[in-house]
């Protein structure tokens, strides 16, 4: 967004960036930045709190009166990230003849479809679509069972895209099932990796790939760095 701000300013359009990472804003030198120490994914702070969000927007718009700068202002209030896994019921086991992760993903399909219809968009599709989620998990289960990754995938494996699509599928389904306001990024991450079979499968498959000596470029981005 900071880079885009430079482009818009060059075209004569005044901009204000709401930044969640101060070092990035400092390096990019955007003309006007309001740094908000909020959880990633919540640029206006507290969900469902119109008064708080209006305060953030008011502070941002006030920066339009500042010169082209660069101007970097800290918003005075801090919102701590909630890393408690979101409360989201998972489907019961239906087909005992398939891996638990595959069965789980199939059980979430209806919730995922409702989420896509309601929002009109999806992040799934970089490598696999929704129809391919169960199959992708089945391939990861093969790695865990001991098959070599080249036997499962051939010479090329885009684990970054697969991991992204699996997490997006689950998190979009969770938007239809979770209790309370929309979850923060860390809450959704904690739920996926700590409470779902797919999250456990993804982590175990990453370990299996590392044990097989797969290149670091294949394994590194399968999980967030903190995990």
Protein backbone atom coordinates (compact mmCIF):
# COMPACT_ATOMS: atom_id res chain seq x y z
CA UNK A 1 0.00 0.00 0.00
CA UNK A 2 2.88 2.38 0.68
CA UNK A 3 4.20 1.86 -2.85
CA UNK A 4 0.72 2.44 -4.30
CA UNK A 5 0.45 5.65 -2.26
CA UNK A 6 3.52 7.03 -4.05
CA UNK A 7 1.93 6.23 -7.43
CA UNK A 8 -1.36 7.92 -6.53
CA UNK A 9 0.37 10.97 -5.07
CA UNK A 10 2.38 11.36 -8.29
CA UNK A 11 -0.96 11.49 -10.12
CA UNK A 12 -2.18 14.27 -7.83
CA UNK A 13 -4.35 12.16 -5.51
CA UNK A 14 -3.71 12.69 -1.79
CA UNK A 15 -3.38 9.46 0.20
CA UNK A 16 -3.23 8.18 3.77
CA UNK A 17 -1.90 4.71 4.54
CA UNK A 18 -3.11 2.75 7.57
CA UNK A 19 -0.01 0.76 8.47
CA UNK A 20 0.18 -2.22 10.81
CA UNK A 21 3.97 -2.63 10.54
CA UNK A 22 5.92 0.49 11.43
CA UNK A 23 9.34 -0.60 10.05
CA UNK A 24 7.78 -1.15 6.62
CA UNK A 25 6.15 2.27 6.69
CA UNK A 26 9.45 3.87 7.70
CA UNK A 27 11.35 2.22 4.85
CA UNK A 28 8.74 3.03 2.21
CA UNK A 29 8.43 6.74 3.14
CA UNK A 30 4.81 7.02 2.06
CA UNK A 31 3.58 10.63 2.05
CA UNK A 32 1.13 10.21 4.95
CA UNK A 33 0.96 7.19 7.26
CA UNK A 34 -1.10 6.49 10.35
CA UNK A 35 0.61 3.65 12.19
CA UNK A 36 -1.95 1.58 14.09
CA UNK A 37 -0.65 -1.05 16.47
CA UNK A 38 -3.50 -3.42 15.74
CA UNK A 39 -3.55 -7.13 14.88
CA UNK A 40 -2.90 -7.91 11.22
CA UNK A 41 -6.16 -8.15 9.32
CA UNK A 42 -7.88 -5.57 11.54
CA UNK A 43 -6.78 -2.20 10.14
CA UNK A 44 -9.53 -0.33 12.03
CA UNK A 45 -8.89 -2.04 15.34
CA UNK A 46 -11.79 -3.45 17.32
CA UNK A 47 -14.38 -5.51 15.38
CA UNK A 48 -17.99 -4.35 15.58
CA UNK A 49 -17.00 -1.19 17.49
CA UNK A 50 -18.17 1.63 15.24
CA UNK A 51 -17.02 4.32 17.65
CA UNK A 52 -13.46 3.02 17.81
CA UNK A 53 -13.29 2.56 14.05
CA UNK A 54 -14.64 6.06 13.45
CA UNK A 55 -11.86 7.42 15.66
CA UNK A 56 -9.23 5.66 13.55
CA UNK A 57 -10.71 6.99 10.31
CA UNK A 58 -10.97 10.51 11.73
CA UNK A 59 -7.29 10.46 12.70
CA UNK A 60 -6.42 9.18 9.23
CA UNK A 61 -8.41 11.84 7.38
CA UNK A 62 -6.85 14.57 9.52
CA UNK A 63 -3.49 13.66 7.99
CA UNK A 64 -4.79 14.89 4.63
CA UNK A 65 -4.21 18.39 5.98
CA UNK A 66 -0.52 17.58 6.44
CA UNK A 67 2.06 18.34 3.73
CA UNK A 68 3.26 15.55 1.45
CA UNK A 69 5.83 14.70 4.08
CA UNK A 70 6.64 11.93 4.59
CA UNK A 71 4.44 12.17 7.69
CA UNK A 72 4.26 9.20 10.07
CA UNK A 73 1.91 9.46 13.05
CA UNK A 74 1.27 6.83 15.71
CA UNK A 75 -2.36 6.18 16.64
CA UNK A 76 -2.52 6.58 20.43
CA UNK A 77 -4.47 3.40 21.23
CA UNK A 78 -3.13 -0.15 20.99
CA UNK A 79 -5.19 -3.28 20.30
CA UNK A 80 -3.51 -6.49 21.41
CA UNK A 81 -3.66 -9.52 19.14
CA UNK A 82 -5.90 -12.30 20.40
CA UNK A 83 -4.15 -15.60 19.68
CA UNK A 84 -6.83 -17.75 21.30
CA UNK A 85 -8.06 -20.24 18.68
CA UNK A 86 -11.42 -19.16 17.33
CA UNK A 87 -14.47 -21.05 18.51
CA UNK A 88 -15.51 -23.11 15.51
CA UNK A 89 -17.25 -26.47 15.50
CA UNK A 90 -15.77 -29.08 13.17
CA UNK A 91 -17.81 -31.77 11.40
CA UNK A 92 -17.93 -35.25 12.96
CA UNK A 93 -16.24 -38.19 11.25
CA UNK A 94 -18.35 -39.52 8.40
CA UNK A 95 -16.21 -41.88 6.33
CA UNK A 96 -13.83 -44.02 8.43
CA UNK A 97 -12.24 -45.41 5.27
CA UNK A 98 -10.42 -42.17 4.41
CA UNK A 99 -7.87 -40.12 6.36
CA UNK A 100 -9.32 -37.90 9.06
CA UNK A 101 -8.10 -34.75 7.28
CA UNK A 102 -9.81 -35.77 4.03
CA UNK A 103 -13.05 -36.59 5.82
CA UNK A 104 -12.93 -33.29 7.68
CA UNK A 105 -12.35 -31.24 4.52
CA UNK A 106 -15.27 -32.89 2.78
CA UNK A 107 -17.46 -32.14 5.79
CA UNK A 108 -16.61 -28.44 5.58
CA UNK A 109 -17.52 -28.08 1.92
CA UNK A 110 -21.07 -26.86 2.50
CA UNK A 111 -19.85 -24.14 4.88
CA UNK A 112 -17.15 -23.10 2.40
CA UNK A 113 -19.70 -22.85 -0.42
CA UNK A 114 -22.01 -20.70 1.71
CA UNK A 115 -19.10 -18.42 2.58
CA UNK A 116 -18.17 -17.93 -1.08
CA UNK A 117 -21.77 -17.20 -2.08
CA UNK A 118 -22.21 -14.70 0.75
CA UNK A 119 -18.93 -12.85 0.14
CA UNK A 120 -18.79 -13.33 -3.62
CA UNK A 121 -15.09 -14.19 -3.60
CA UNK A 122 -12.53 -16.75 -2.45
CA UNK A 123 -8.79 -16.91 -1.89
CA UNK A 124 -8.71 -20.58 -2.89
CA UNK A 125 -7.31 -21.28 -6.35
CA UNK A 126 -3.59 -20.56 -6.48
CA UNK A 127 -2.83 -24.24 -6.97
CA UNK A 128 -6.02 -26.17 -6.24
CA UNK A 129 -9.69 -25.25 -6.23
CA UNK A 130 -12.24 -26.33 -3.64
CA UNK A 131 -12.81 -29.62 -5.47
CA UNK A 132 -9.10 -30.39 -5.12
CA UNK A 133 -8.75 -29.80 -1.38
CA UNK A 134 -9.52 -33.37 -0.31
CA UNK A 135 -7.16 -34.74 -2.94
CA UNK A 136 -4.37 -32.41 -1.85
CA UNK A 137 -4.74 -33.58 1.72
CA UNK A 138 -4.71 -37.21 0.57
CA UNK A 139 -1.37 -36.53 -1.16
CA UNK A 140 0.04 -35.00 2.02
CA UNK A 141 -1.08 -38.10 3.92
CA UNK A 142 0.93 -40.20 1.48
CA UNK A 143 4.04 -38.21 2.38
CA UNK A 144 3.39 -38.82 6.06
CA UNK A 145 2.99 -42.54 5.34
CA UNK A 146 6.50 -42.60 3.89
CA UNK A 147 6.17 -42.12 0.13
CA UNK A 148 8.87 -39.95 -1.38
CA UNK A 149 7.70 -36.54 -2.50
CA UNK A 150 8.90 -37.07 -6.07
CA UNK A 151 6.78 -40.21 -6.30
CA UNK A 152 3.73 -38.31 -5.08
CA UNK A 153 4.21 -35.08 -7.03
CA UNK A 154 6.86 -35.65 -9.67
CA UNK A 155 9.79 -33.25 -9.93
CA UNK A 156 7.80 -30.11 -9.13
CA UNK A 157 5.85 -29.29 -5.98
CA UNK A 158 4.44 -25.84 -5.18
CA UNK A 159 3.92 -26.26 -1.46
CA UNK A 160 3.48 -22.51 -0.92
CA UNK A 161 0.40 -22.39 -3.15
CA UNK A 162 -1.02 -25.67 -1.81
CA UNK A 163 -0.58 -24.56 1.80
CA UNK A 164 -2.21 -21.21 1.02
CA UNK A 165 -5.22 -22.86 -0.61
CA UNK A 166 -5.73 -25.33 2.23
CA UNK A 167 -5.65 -22.62 4.86
CA UNK A 168 -7.90 -20.33 2.80
CA UNK A 169 -10.45 -23.12 2.29
CA UNK A 170 -10.62 -23.83 6.01
CA UNK A 171 -10.64 -20.24 7.15
CA UNK A 172 -13.35 -19.27 4.69
CA UNK A 173 -15.47 -22.19 5.88
CA UNK A 174 -14.84 -21.06 9.44
CA UNK A 175 -16.33 -17.65 8.66
CA UNK A 176 -19.67 -19.43 8.36
CA UNK A 177 -19.25 -21.57 11.47
CA UNK A 178 -17.33 -19.51 14.04
CA UNK A 179 -19.05 -17.88 16.99
CA UNK A 180 -18.64 -14.15 17.58
CA UNK A 181 -17.10 -11.47 15.33
CA UNK A 182 -14.78 -12.21 12.43
CA UNK A 183 -11.62 -13.79 13.83
CA UNK A 184 -8.23 -12.14 13.85
CA UNK A 185 -5.49 -13.58 11.69
CA UNK A 186 -3.71 -15.23 14.62
CA UNK A 187 -6.95 -16.73 15.93
CA UNK A 188 -7.68 -18.35 12.57
CA UNK A 189 -4.08 -19.56 12.31
CA UNK A 190 -4.17 -21.07 15.82
CA UNK A 191 -7.47 -22.81 15.09
CA UNK A 192 -6.22 -24.28 11.83
CA UNK A 193 -2.93 -25.64 13.11
CA UNK A 194 -4.01 -26.62 16.62
CA UNK A 195 -7.55 -27.89 16.21
CA UNK A 196 -8.08 -29.15 12.66
CA UNK A 197 -6.92 -32.42 11.18
CA UNK A 198 -5.80 -30.59 8.05
CA UNK A 199 -3.53 -28.29 10.04
CA UNK A 200 -1.92 -31.24 11.79
CA UNK A 201 -1.52 -33.02 8.47
CA UNK A 202 0.14 -30.01 6.86
CA UNK A 203 2.62 -29.72 9.75
CA UNK A 204 3.39 -33.45 9.71
CA UNK A 205 3.85 -33.43 5.92
CA UNK A 206 6.32 -30.55 6.24
CA UNK A 207 8.33 -32.61 8.74
CA UNK A 208 8.19 -35.64 6.41
CA UNK A 209 9.51 -33.57 3.52
CA UNK A 210 12.36 -32.26 5.66
CA UNK A 211 13.22 -35.82 6.71
CA UNK A 212 13.36 -36.79 3.03
CA UNK A 213 15.85 -34.02 2.35
CA UNK A 214 13.49 -31.94 0.23
CA UNK A 215 14.87 -28.49 -0.70
CA UNK A 216 14.28 -25.78 1.87
CA UNK A 217 12.39 -23.78 -0.73
CA UNK A 218 9.73 -26.49 -0.72
CA UNK A 219 9.35 -26.84 3.05
CA UNK A 220 9.99 -23.35 4.44
CA UNK A 221 6.73 -21.66 3.47
CA UNK A 222 4.36 -24.49 4.33
CA UNK A 223 3.85 -23.14 7.86
CA UNK A 224 4.10 -19.65 9.35
CA UNK A 225 7.60 -18.89 10.59
CA UNK A 226 6.44 -18.99 14.21
CA UNK A 227 5.40 -22.59 13.76
